[in-house]
Amino acid sequence: MEVLDENLNQNHKWESVIDKTNNHLCYNAKCSNPKNGPLRYLSATVFNDISAEMLRNFYMDNDYRKQWDKTVVEHNQLQVDESDGSEVGQTVKKFPLLKPREYVLTWKLWEGRDKTFYCYMKECEHPLAPRQRKYVRVEIFRSGWRIRKVPGRNACEITMFHQEDAGLNVEMAKLAFSKGIWSYVCKMDNALRRYSAASCHLSSSVTTSVNLMQKVPACLESSTSDDVSPAHPTMIHDQATQESQMPAISRRPSRKLVTNSLLLLGGAVLLSRGHSSLGAKVVMAYIVTKFSKRDPKSNQ
């Protein structure tokens, strides 16, 4: 809850990744690269003409996700614990040029004041989901979001903190996110509009999650400020901009590295000519990252 209120660790440098707006939504994301874990992302999305309850149902509807999110090829509910409100599920995602990734996650939904909703998900093990060689098991997955109404507007906002290790090169993962996330968010928005227009009853997965939803403990919710307005993308952008203006020490690459990088980049451009898909861009980044590495003793 503190992270979602942007009470961030000042020792971690956050940089702006994307800040986009259209007639239906605003999206902003920034990332941090900690020394002891995978990339961390903090994003804020504002959807116009959507209620907080509708957005909550959309996010919890795993059956509907399989219809609009083509990366999800399989999802199975493994366990529902009515005693503490937690659920466990298995999801398999397929990405271009990569071995399918398997997520075995547990999650829980809470309701706070004024129809504010929280969800937290993390990786786990489960006897009904033994490890299989045909999948790459995602070992680290920590993701949490908050959905709430935007004051004075017919809109709602979801703020999300996300961290996962899917076994990708860091630079490759950053490029894939920055180049593909806006298209994905717009696709999600279109699916949300269809869901809102046609949603006459809740699917079993949503009904289960809503029925299990628990109240945020008063001692936790009172620790957050009631006066904080929903995180607006420009707020995140301004903070990231200030951090990006901090002085940095740069190293001049060697002539050999520059020459090799230019040759590789030129070859990659020729190979990808006429192919502007995300997959081609990721491959280009992967090639350049792999072959332009310097002496392992260097930290550049």
C-alpha atoms as a PDB file:
ATOM      1  CA  MET A   1       0.000   0.000   0.000  1.00  0.00           C
ATOM      2  CA  GLU A   2       2.899   2.351   0.675  1.00  0.00           C
ATOM      3  CA  VAL A   3       4.437   1.609  -2.719  1.00  0.00           C
ATOM      4  CA  LEU A   4       1.103   2.204  -4.454  1.00  0.00           C
ATOM      5  CA  ASP A   5       0.967   5.574  -2.667  1.00  0.00           C
ATOM      6  CA  GLU A   6       4.442   6.172  -4.168  1.00  0.00           C
ATOM      7  CA  ASN A   7       6.289   6.053  -0.871  1.00  0.00           C
ATOM      8  CA  LEU A   8       9.276   4.609  -2.690  1.00  0.00           C
ATOM      9  CA  ASN A   9      12.726   3.629  -1.485  1.00  0.00           C
ATOM     10  CA  GLN A  10      14.874   6.657  -2.248  1.00  0.00           C
ATOM     11  CA  ASN A  11      17.918   4.419  -2.730  1.00  0.00           C
ATOM     12  CA  HIS A  12      16.361   2.970  -5.898  1.00  0.00           C
ATOM     13  CA  LYS A  13      16.555   5.082  -9.007  1.00  0.00           C
ATOM     14  CA  TRP A  14      13.309   5.129 -11.006  1.00  0.00           C
ATOM     15  CA  GLU A  15      13.260   6.142 -14.664  1.00  0.00           C
ATOM     16  CA  SER A  16      10.298   7.017 -16.846  1.00  0.00           C
ATOM     17  CA  VAL A  17       9.524   4.374 -19.477  1.00  0.00           C
ATOM     18  CA  ILE A  18       6.346   5.574 -21.161  1.00  0.00           C
ATOM     19  CA  ASP A  19       3.690   8.281 -20.846  1.00  0.00           C
ATOM     20  CA  LYS A  20       0.787   7.972 -23.305  1.00  0.00           C
ATOM     21  CA  THR A  21      -2.760   9.316 -23.553  1.00  0.00           C
ATOM     22  CA  ASN A  22      -5.721   8.892 -25.882  1.00  0.00           C
ATOM     23  CA  ASN A  23      -9.437   9.691 -25.665  1.00  0.00           C
ATOM     24  CA  HIS A  24     -10.193   6.717 -23.447  1.00  0.00           C
ATOM     25  CA  LEU A  25      -7.234   6.348 -21.116  1.00  0.00           C
ATOM     26  CA  CYS A  26      -3.968   7.691 -19.721  1.00  0.00           C
ATOM     27  CA  TYR A  27      -1.035   5.380 -19.054  1.00  0.00           C
ATOM     28  CA  ASN A  28       2.303   5.995 -17.412  1.00  0.00           C
ATOM     29  CA  ALA A  29       5.003   3.605 -16.237  1.00  0.00           C
ATOM     30  CA  LYS A  30       8.436   3.852 -14.732  1.00  0.00           C
ATOM     31  CA  CYS A  31      10.934   1.178 -13.783  1.00  0.00           C
ATOM     32  CA  SER A  32      13.750   0.490 -11.378  1.00  0.00           C
ATOM     33  CA  ASN A  33      16.576  -2.035 -11.730  1.00  0.00           C
ATOM     34  CA  PRO A  34      17.484  -3.243  -8.228  1.00  0.00           C
ATOM     35  CA  LYS A  35      20.760  -4.982  -7.550  1.00  0.00           C
ATOM     36  CA  ASN A  36      19.142  -7.966  -5.845  1.00  0.00           C
ATOM     37  CA  GLY A  37      16.206  -8.820  -8.086  1.00  0.00           C
ATOM     38  CA  PRO A  38      14.410  -8.426 -11.417  1.00  0.00           C
ATOM     39  CA  LEU A  39      13.121  -5.153 -12.850  1.00  0.00           C
ATOM     40  CA  ARG A  40      10.405  -3.358 -10.904  1.00  0.00           C
ATOM     41  CA  TYR A  41       7.621  -1.457 -12.638  1.00  0.00           C
ATOM     42  CA  LEU A  42       5.187   1.057 -11.201  1.00  0.00           C
ATOM     43  CA  SER A  43       2.358   2.133 -13.495  1.00  0.00           C
ATOM     44  CA  ALA A  44      -0.822   4.185 -13.308  1.00  0.00           C
ATOM     45  CA  THR A  45      -3.708   3.842 -15.765  1.00  0.00           C
ATOM     46  CA  VAL A  46      -6.848   5.987 -15.790  1.00  0.00           C
ATOM     47  CA  PHE A  47      -9.866   4.620 -17.680  1.00  0.00           C
ATOM     48  CA  ASN A  48     -12.617   7.075 -18.599  1.00  0.00           C
ATOM     49  CA  ASP A  49     -16.297   6.100 -18.241  1.00  0.00           C
ATOM     50  CA  ILE A  50     -15.545   2.933 -16.260  1.00  0.00           C
ATOM     51  CA  SER A  51     -16.511   2.199 -12.650  1.00  0.00           C
ATOM     52  CA  ALA A  52     -14.105   0.775 -10.090  1.00  0.00           C
ATOM     53  CA  GLU A  53     -16.285  -2.326  -9.665  1.00  0.00           C
ATOM     54  CA  MET A  54     -16.294  -2.987 -13.411  1.00  0.00           C
ATOM     55  CA  LEU A  55     -12.524  -2.656 -13.659  1.00  0.00           C
ATOM     56  CA  ARG A  56     -12.099  -4.961 -10.653  1.00  0.00           C
ATOM     57  CA  ASN A  57     -14.311  -7.608 -12.260  1.00  0.00           C
ATOM     58  CA  PHE A  58     -12.430  -7.295 -15.536  1.00  0.00           C
ATOM     59  CA  TYR A  59      -9.073  -7.842 -13.870  1.00  0.00           C
ATOM     60  CA  MET A  60     -10.319 -10.833 -11.868  1.00  0.00           C
ATOM     61  CA  ASP A  61     -12.000 -12.529 -14.857  1.00  0.00           C
ATOM     62  CA  ASN A  62      -9.459 -15.141 -15.892  1.00  0.00           C
ATOM     63  CA  ASP A  63     -11.946 -16.820 -18.241  1.00  0.00           C
ATOM     64  CA  TYR A  64     -12.423 -13.616 -20.227  1.00  0.00           C
ATOM     65  CA  ARG A  65      -8.683 -12.918 -20.255  1.00  0.00           C
ATOM     66  CA  LYS A  66      -8.122 -16.025 -22.337  1.00  0.00           C
ATOM     67  CA  GLN A  67     -10.400 -14.499 -24.992  1.00  0.00           C
ATOM     68  CA  TRP A  68      -8.655 -11.148 -25.429  1.00  0.00           C
ATOM     69  CA  ASP A  69      -5.099 -11.777 -24.213  1.00  0.00           C
ATOM     70  CA  LYS A  70      -3.591 -14.074 -26.840  1.00  0.00           C
ATOM     71  CA  THR A  71      -0.441 -14.628 -24.779  1.00  0.00           C
ATOM     72  CA  VAL A  72      -2.546 -16.662 -22.308  1.00  0.00           C
ATOM     73  CA  VAL A  73      -2.903 -20.149 -23.726  1.00  0.00           C
ATOM     74  CA  GLU A  74      -4.003 -21.931 -20.548  1.00  0.00           C
ATOM     75  CA  HIS A  75      -5.381 -21.112 -17.116  1.00  0.00           C
ATOM     76  CA  ASN A  76      -6.460 -23.518 -14.390  1.00  0.00           C
ATOM     77  CA  GLN A  77      -7.853 -22.777 -10.948  1.00  0.00           C
ATOM     78  CA  LEU A  78      -6.012 -25.034  -8.515  1.00  0.00           C
ATOM     79  CA  GLN A  79      -7.315 -24.079  -5.075  1.00  0.00           C
ATOM     80  CA  VAL A  80      -9.775 -21.831  -3.278  1.00  0.00           C
ATOM     81  CA  ASP A  81      -9.319 -21.283   0.448  1.00  0.00           C
ATOM     82  CA  GLU A  82     -12.485 -19.888   1.991  1.00  0.00           C
ATOM     83  CA  SER A  83     -10.837 -19.611   5.413  1.00  0.00           C
ATOM     84  CA  ASP A  84      -8.460 -16.817   4.419  1.00  0.00           C
ATOM     85  CA  GLY A  85      -9.816 -15.713   1.032  1.00  0.00           C
ATOM     86  CA  SER A  86      -6.805 -16.780  -1.036  1.00  0.00           C
ATOM     87  CA  GLU A  87      -6.785 -18.535  -4.399  1.00  0.00           C
ATOM     88  CA  VAL A  88      -4.168 -20.471  -6.363  1.00  0.00           C
ATOM     89  CA  GLY A  89      -3.999 -20.832 -10.131  1.00  0.00           C
ATOM     90  CA  GLN A  90      -1.748 -21.936 -12.967  1.00  0.00           C
ATOM     91  CA  THR A  91      -1.312 -19.854 -16.118  1.00  0.00           C
ATOM     92  CA  VAL A  92       0.735 -20.640 -19.222  1.00  0.00           C
ATOM     93  CA  LYS A  93       1.766 -17.781 -21.505  1.00  0.00           C
ATOM     94  CA  LYS A  94       3.366 -18.014 -24.923  1.00  0.00           C
ATOM     95  CA  PHE A  95       5.585 -15.288 -26.364  1.00  0.00           C
ATOM     96  CA  PRO A  96       7.241 -14.971 -29.796  1.00  0.00           C
ATOM     97  CA  LEU A  97      10.502 -16.911 -30.144  1.00  0.00           C
ATOM     98  CA  LEU A  98      10.459 -18.018 -26.494  1.00  0.00           C
ATOM     99  CA  LYS A  99       9.624 -21.202 -24.646  1.00  0.00           C
ATOM    100  CA  PRO A 100       6.189 -20.944 -22.943  1.00  0.00           C
ATOM    101  CA  ARG A 101       6.307 -19.449 -19.442  1.00  0.00           C
ATOM    102  CA  GLU A 102       4.389 -21.098 -16.599  1.00  0.00           C
ATOM    103  CA  TYR A 103       3.039 -19.080 -13.668  1.00  0.00           C
ATOM    104  CA  VAL A 104       1.822 -20.780 -10.506  1.00  0.00           C
ATOM    105  CA  LEU A 105       0.439 -17.949  -8.408  1.00  0.00           C
ATOM    106  CA  THR A 106      -1.546 -17.280  -5.295  1.00  0.00           C
ATOM    107  CA  TRP A 107      -3.615 -14.119  -4.945  1.00  0.00           C
ATOM    108  CA  LYS A 108      -6.041 -12.382  -2.628  1.00  0.00           C
ATOM    109  CA  LEU A 109      -8.545  -9.540  -3.015  1.00  0.00           C
ATOM    110  CA  TRP A 110      -9.425  -6.858  -0.455  1.00  0.00           C
ATOM    111  CA  GLU A 111     -11.895  -3.985  -0.293  1.00  0.00           C
ATOM    112  CA  GLY A 112     -11.005  -0.703   1.371  1.00  0.00           C
ATOM    113  CA  ARG A 113     -12.881   2.492   1.990  1.00  0.00           C
ATOM    114  CA  ASP A 114     -14.967   4.178  -0.709  1.00  0.00           C
ATOM    115  CA  LYS A 115     -14.945   1.155  -3.026  1.00  0.00           C
ATOM    116  CA  THR A 116     -11.187   0.943  -3.236  1.00  0.00           C
ATOM    117  CA  PHE A 117      -9.953  -2.522  -4.170  1.00  0.00           C
ATOM    118  CA  TYR A 118      -6.578  -4.162  -3.668  1.00  0.00           C
ATOM    119  CA  CYS A 119      -5.118  -7.385  -5.019  1.00  0.00           C
ATOM    120  CA  TYR A 120      -1.756  -8.983  -4.359  1.00  0.00           C
ATOM    121  CA  MET A 121      -0.235 -11.912  -6.276  1.00  0.00           C
ATOM    122  CA  LYS A 122       2.934 -13.891  -5.744  1.00  0.00           C
ATOM    123  CA  GLU A 123       4.575 -17.088  -6.930  1.00  0.00           C
ATOM    124  CA  CYS A 124       4.048 -20.354  -5.080  1.00  0.00           C
ATOM    125  CA  GLU A 125       4.301 -24.118  -5.434  1.00  0.00           C
ATOM    126  CA  HIS A 126       1.294 -26.438  -5.617  1.00  0.00           C
ATOM    127  CA  PRO A 127       1.028 -30.250  -5.854  1.00  0.00           C
ATOM    128  CA  LEU A 128      -1.465 -29.983  -8.725  1.00  0.00           C
ATOM    129  CA  ALA A 129       1.090 -28.075 -10.811  1.00  0.00           C
ATOM    130  CA  PRO A 130       4.326 -30.099 -10.901  1.00  0.00           C
ATOM    131  CA  ARG A 131       7.166 -28.643 -12.934  1.00  0.00           C
ATOM    132  CA  GLN A 132       7.288 -29.654 -16.597  1.00  0.00           C
ATOM    133  CA  ARG A 133      10.211 -29.477 -19.011  1.00  0.00           C
ATOM    134  CA  LYS A 134       8.063 -28.021 -21.770  1.00  0.00           C
ATOM    135  CA  TYR A 135       7.587 -24.813 -19.728  1.00  0.00           C
ATOM    136  CA  VAL A 136       9.890 -22.318 -18.075  1.00  0.00           C
ATOM    137  CA  ARG A 137       8.617 -21.817 -14.532  1.00  0.00           C
ATOM    138  CA  VAL A 138       8.614 -18.146 -13.489  1.00  0.00           C
ATOM    139  CA  GLU A 139      10.469 -18.254 -10.184  1.00  0.00           C
ATOM    140  CA  ILE A 140       9.846 -14.695  -8.972  1.00  0.00           C
ATOM    141  CA  PHE A 141       6.516 -12.928  -9.415  1.00  0.00           C
ATOM    142  CA  ARG A 142       5.294 -10.123  -7.151  1.00  0.00           C
ATOM    143  CA  SER A 143       2.431  -7.971  -8.368  1.00  0.00           C
ATOM    144  CA  GLY A 144      -0.065  -5.784  -6.569  1.00  0.00           C
ATOM    145  CA  TRP A 145      -2.662  -3.256  -7.658  1.00  0.00           C
ATOM    146  CA  ARG A 146      -5.142  -0.754  -6.309  1.00  0.00           C
ATOM    147  CA  ILE A 147      -8.323   0.275  -8.129  1.00  0.00           C
ATOM    148  CA  ARG A 148     -10.281   3.361  -7.071  1.00  0.00           C
ATOM    149  CA  LYS A 149     -12.543   6.044  -8.458  1.00  0.00           C
ATOM    150  CA  VAL A 150     -11.030   9.293  -9.702  1.00  0.00           C
ATOM    151  CA  PRO A 151     -12.615  12.100  -7.611  1.00  0.00           C
ATOM    152  CA  GLY A 152     -14.935  14.408  -9.531  1.00  0.00           C
ATOM    153  CA  ARG A 153     -14.797  12.393 -12.746  1.00  0.00           C
ATOM    154  CA  ASN A 154     -16.562   9.446 -14.327  1.00  0.00           C
ATOM    155  CA  ALA A 155     -13.344   7.493 -14.378  1.00  0.00           C
ATOM    156  CA  CYS A 156     -11.309   5.057 -12.330  1.00  0.00           C
ATOM    157  CA  GLU A 157      -7.621   4.405 -11.871  1.00  0.00           C
ATOM    158  CA  ILE A 158      -5.502   1.324 -11.367  1.00  0.00           C
ATOM    159  CA  THR A 159      -2.041   1.717  -9.897  1.00  0.00           C
ATOM    160  CA  MET A 160       0.143  -1.367 -10.202  1.00  0.00           C
ATOM    161  CA  PHE A 161       3.487  -2.498  -8.843  1.00  0.00           C
ATOM    162  CA  HIS A 162       4.945  -5.427 -10.773  1.00  0.00           C
ATOM    163  CA  GLN A 163       8.109  -7.511 -10.575  1.00  0.00           C
ATOM    164  CA  GLU A 164       8.838 -10.838 -12.250  1.00  0.00           C
ATOM    165  CA  ASP A 165      11.757 -12.904 -13.450  1.00  0.00           C
ATOM    166  CA  ALA A 166      10.753 -14.652 -16.683  1.00  0.00           C
ATOM    167  CA  GLY A 167      14.315 -15.629 -17.538  1.00  0.00           C
ATOM    168  CA  LEU A 168      14.970 -12.797 -20.006  1.00  0.00           C
ATOM    169  CA  ASN A 169      18.008 -10.597 -20.496  1.00  0.00           C
ATOM    170  CA  VAL A 170      17.384  -7.317 -18.629  1.00  0.00           C
ATOM    171  CA  GLU A 171      17.880  -5.065 -21.647  1.00  0.00           C
ATOM    172  CA  MET A 172      15.759  -7.365 -23.781  1.00  0.00           C
ATOM    173  CA  ALA A 173      12.971  -7.293 -21.185  1.00  0.00           C
ATOM    174  CA  LYS A 174      13.094  -3.485 -20.943  1.00  0.00           C
ATOM    175  CA  LEU A 175      12.919  -3.077 -24.711  1.00  0.00           C
ATOM    176  CA  ALA A 176      10.049  -5.547 -25.044  1.00  0.00           C
ATOM    177  CA  PHE A 177       8.103  -3.686 -22.362  1.00  0.00           C
ATOM    178  CA  SER A 178       8.733  -0.177 -23.676  1.00  0.00           C
ATOM    179  CA  LYS A 179       7.902  -1.092 -27.285  1.00  0.00           C
ATOM    180  CA  GLY A 180       4.932  -3.348 -26.610  1.00  0.00           C
ATOM    181  CA  ILE A 181       3.157  -2.121 -23.483  1.00  0.00           C
ATOM    182  CA  TRP A 182       1.170   0.750 -25.028  1.00  0.00           C
ATOM    183  CA  SER A 183      -0.250  -1.500 -27.739  1.00  0.00           C
ATOM    184  CA  TYR A 184      -1.124  -4.050 -25.045  1.00  0.00           C
ATOM    185  CA  VAL A 185      -2.826  -1.427 -22.841  1.00  0.00           C
ATOM    186  CA  CYS A 186      -4.906  -0.178 -25.789  1.00  0.00           C
ATOM    187  CA  LYS A 187      -5.902  -3.752 -26.581  1.00  0.00           C
ATOM    188  CA  MET A 188      -6.850  -4.250 -22.937  1.00  0.00           C
ATOM    189  CA  ASP A 189      -8.923  -1.045 -23.011  1.00  0.00           C
ATOM    190  CA  ASN A 190     -10.854  -2.273 -26.056  1.00  0.00           C
ATOM    191  CA  ALA A 191     -11.522  -5.577 -24.300  1.00  0.00           C
ATOM    192  CA  LEU A 192     -12.638  -3.680 -21.181  1.00  0.00           C
ATOM    193  CA  ARG A 193     -15.153  -1.633 -23.216  1.00  0.00           C
ATOM    194  CA  ARG A 194     -16.627  -4.810 -24.721  1.00  0.00           C
ATOM    195  CA  TYR A 195     -16.692  -6.419 -21.284  1.00  0.00           C
ATOM    196  CA  SER A 196     -18.500  -3.415 -19.785  1.00  0.00           C
ATOM    197  CA  ALA A 197     -21.095  -3.341 -22.569  1.00  0.00           C
ATOM    198  CA  ALA A 198     -21.846  -7.074 -22.506  1.00  0.00           C
ATOM    199  CA  SER A 199     -21.330  -7.918 -18.838  1.00  0.00           C
ATOM    200  CA  CYS A 200     -24.789  -9.003 -17.674  1.00  0.00           C
ATOM    201  CA  HIS A 201     -23.522 -11.596 -15.207  1.00  0.00           C
ATOM    202  CA  LEU A 202     -20.247 -12.450 -13.527  1.00  0.00           C
ATOM    203  CA  SER A 203     -18.174 -15.456 -14.543  1.00  0.00           C
ATOM    204  CA  SER A 204     -17.411 -18.119 -11.971  1.00  0.00           C
ATOM    205  CA  SER A 205     -13.850 -16.846 -11.463  1.00  0.00           C
ATOM    206  CA  VAL A 206     -15.065 -13.305 -10.692  1.00  0.00           C
ATOM    207  CA  THR A 207     -17.876 -14.539  -8.435  1.00  0.00           C
ATOM    208  CA  THR A 208     -15.403 -16.639  -6.462  1.00  0.00           C
ATOM    209  CA  SER A 209     -12.950 -13.772  -6.002  1.00  0.00           C
ATOM    210  CA  VAL A 210     -15.660 -11.261  -5.026  1.00  0.00           C
ATOM    211  CA  ASN A 211     -17.245 -13.691  -2.570  1.00  0.00           C
ATOM    212  CA  LEU A 212     -13.838 -14.322  -0.975  1.00  0.00           C
ATOM    213  CA  MET A 213     -12.966 -10.609  -0.854  1.00  0.00           C
ATOM    214  CA  GLN A 214     -12.045  -9.407   2.617  1.00  0.00           C
ATOM    215  CA  LYS A 215     -11.937  -5.982   4.214  1.00  0.00           C
ATOM    216  CA  VAL A 216      -8.660  -4.143   4.499  1.00  0.00           C
ATOM    217  CA  PRO A 217      -7.680  -4.137   8.198  1.00  0.00           C
ATOM    218  CA  ALA A 218      -8.407  -0.733   9.702  1.00  0.00           C
ATOM    219  CA  CYS A 219      -4.904  -0.480  11.157  1.00  0.00           C
ATOM    220  CA  LEU A 220      -3.397  -0.736   7.662  1.00  0.00           C
ATOM    221  CA  GLU A 221      -5.796   1.538   5.831  1.00  0.00           C
ATOM    222  CA  SER A 222      -5.537   4.291   8.427  1.00  0.00           C
ATOM    223  CA  SER A 223      -1.790   4.441   7.777  1.00  0.00           C
ATOM    224  CA  THR A 224      -2.399   5.846   4.293  1.00  0.00           C
ATOM    225  CA  SER A 225      -3.398   9.432   3.696  1.00  0.00           C
ATOM    226  CA  ASP A 226      -7.056  10.128   2.918  1.00  0.00           C
ATOM    227  CA  ASP A 227      -6.055  13.349   1.179  1.00  0.00           C
ATOM    228  CA  VAL A 228      -3.854  11.739  -1.452  1.00  0.00           C
ATOM    229  CA  SER A 229      -5.524  12.013  -4.843  1.00  0.00           C
ATOM    230  CA  PRO A 230      -5.182   9.141  -7.300  1.00  0.00           C
ATOM    231  CA  ALA A 231      -1.725   8.955  -8.795  1.00  0.00           C
ATOM    232  CA  HIS A 232      -1.909  10.875 -12.021  1.00  0.00           C
ATOM    233  CA  PRO A 233       0.500   9.958 -14.822  1.00  0.00           C
ATOM    234  CA  THR A 234       2.025  13.446 -14.833  1.00  0.00           C
ATOM    235  CA  MET A 235       2.901  13.107 -11.151  1.00  0.00           C
ATOM    236  CA  ILE A 236       4.872   9.946 -11.866  1.00  0.00           C
ATOM    237  CA  HIS A 237       6.414  11.538 -14.946  1.00  0.00           C
ATOM    238  CA  ASP A 238       7.585  14.638 -13.055  1.00  0.00           C
ATOM    239  CA  GLN A 239       9.226  12.575 -10.330  1.00  0.00           C
ATOM    240  CA  ALA A 240      10.962  10.317 -12.846  1.00  0.00           C
ATOM    241  CA  THR A 241      12.137  13.359 -14.809  1.00  0.00           C
ATOM    242  CA  GLN A 242      13.697  14.889 -11.712  1.00  0.00           C
ATOM    243  CA  GLU A 243      15.526  11.654 -10.957  1.00  0.00           C
ATOM    244  CA  SER A 244      16.713  11.323 -14.548  1.00  0.00           C
ATOM    245  CA  GLN A 245      18.289  14.809 -14.307  1.00  0.00           C
ATOM    246  CA  MET A 246      20.663  13.711 -11.544  1.00  0.00           C
ATOM    247  CA  PRO A 247      24.321  13.795 -12.625  1.00  0.00           C
ATOM    248  CA  ALA A 248      25.713  10.500 -13.861  1.00  0.00           C
ATOM    249  CA  ILE A 249      29.223   9.235 -14.618  1.00  0.00           C
ATOM    250  CA  SER A 250      29.560   8.095 -18.204  1.00  0.00           C
ATOM    251  CA  ARG A 251      32.212   5.929 -19.815  1.00  0.00           C
ATOM    252  CA  ARG A 252      33.386   6.351 -23.387  1.00  0.00           C
ATOM    253  CA  PRO A 253      33.194   2.977 -25.184  1.00  0.00           C
ATOM    254  CA  SER A 254      36.252   1.700 -26.979  1.00  0.00           C
ATOM    255  CA  ARG A 255      36.642   2.134 -30.741  1.00  0.00           C
ATOM    256  CA  LYS A 256      36.412  -1.617 -31.185  1.00  0.00           C
ATOM    257  CA  LEU A 257      33.132  -1.775 -29.304  1.00  0.00           C
ATOM    258  CA  VAL A 258      31.688   1.123 -31.300  1.00  0.00           C
ATOM    259  CA  THR A 259      32.740  -0.462 -34.590  1.00  0.00           C
ATOM    260  CA  ASN A 260      31.329  -3.885 -33.690  1.00  0.00           C
ATOM    261  CA  SER A 261      28.100  -2.378 -32.391  1.00  0.00           C
ATOM    262  CA  LEU A 262      27.570  -0.329 -35.557  1.00  0.00           C
ATOM    263  CA  LEU A 263      28.227  -3.357 -37.758  1.00  0.00           C
ATOM    264  CA  LEU A 264      25.839  -5.509 -35.757  1.00  0.00           C
ATOM    265  CA  LEU A 265      23.183  -2.815 -35.609  1.00  0.00           C
ATOM    266  CA  GLY A 266      23.434  -2.254 -39.363  1.00  0.00           C
ATOM    267  CA  GLY A 267      23.098  -5.968 -39.989  1.00  0.00           C
ATOM    268  CA  ALA A 268      20.136  -6.201 -37.649  1.00  0.00           C
ATOM    269  CA  VAL A 269      18.425  -3.291 -39.409  1.00  0.00           C
ATOM    270  CA  LEU A 270      18.919  -4.991 -42.774  1.00  0.00           C
ATOM    271  CA  LEU A 271      17.577  -8.280 -41.416  1.00  0.00           C
ATOM    272  CA  SER A 272      14.506  -6.596 -39.955  1.00  0.00           C
ATOM    273  CA  ARG A 273      13.792  -4.355 -42.957  1.00  0.00           C
ATOM    274  CA  GLY A 274      10.068  -4.420 -43.614  1.00  0.00           C
ATOM    275  CA  HIS A 275       9.371  -6.237 -40.340  1.00  0.00           C
ATOM    276  CA  SER A 276       8.289  -3.786 -37.637  1.00  0.00           C
ATOM    277  CA  SER A 277       6.794  -6.374 -35.284  1.00  0.00           C
ATOM    278  CA  LEU A 278       7.728  -6.434 -31.622  1.00  0.00           C
ATOM    279  CA  GLY A 279       9.359  -9.820 -32.135  1.00  0.00           C
ATOM    280  CA  ALA A 280      11.775  -8.380 -34.705  1.00  0.00           C
ATOM    281  CA  LYS A 281      12.645  -5.474 -32.415  1.00  0.00           C
ATOM    282  CA  VAL A 282      13.277  -7.807 -29.494  1.00  0.00           C
ATOM    283  CA  VAL A 283      15.522 -10.011 -31.634  1.00  0.00           C
ATOM    284  CA  MET A 284      17.497  -6.934 -32.734  1.00  0.00           C
ATOM    285  CA  ALA A 285      17.975  -5.859 -29.130  1.00  0.00           C
ATOM    286  CA  TYR A 286      18.953  -9.351 -28.094  1.00  0.00           C
ATOM    287  CA  ILE A 287      21.575  -9.621 -30.866  1.00  0.00           C
ATOM    288  CA  VAL A 288      23.119  -6.243 -30.057  1.00  0.00           C
ATOM    289  CA  THR A 289      23.073  -6.915 -26.310  1.00  0.00           C
ATOM    290  CA  LYS A 290      24.656 -10.340 -26.629  1.00  0.00           C
ATOM    291  CA  PHE A 291      27.433  -9.458 -29.078  1.00  0.00           C
ATOM    292  CA  SER A 292      28.375  -6.020 -27.813  1.00  0.00           C
ATOM    293  CA  LYS A 293      29.229  -7.120 -24.280  1.00  0.00           C
ATOM    294  CA  ARG A 294      32.573  -5.819 -23.054  1.00  0.00           C
ATOM    295  CA  ASP A 295      35.179  -7.393 -20.792  1.00  0.00           C
ATOM    296  CA  PRO A 296      33.313  -9.167 -17.945  1.00  0.00           C
ATOM    297  CA  LYS A 297      35.457  -7.217 -15.481  1.00  0.00           C
ATOM    298  CA  SER A 298      33.784  -4.018 -16.663  1.00  0.00           C
ATOM    299  CA  ASN A 299      30.474  -3.026 -15.109  1.00  0.00           C
ATOM    300  CA  GLN A 300      29.408  -0.922 -18.118  1.00  0.00           C
END
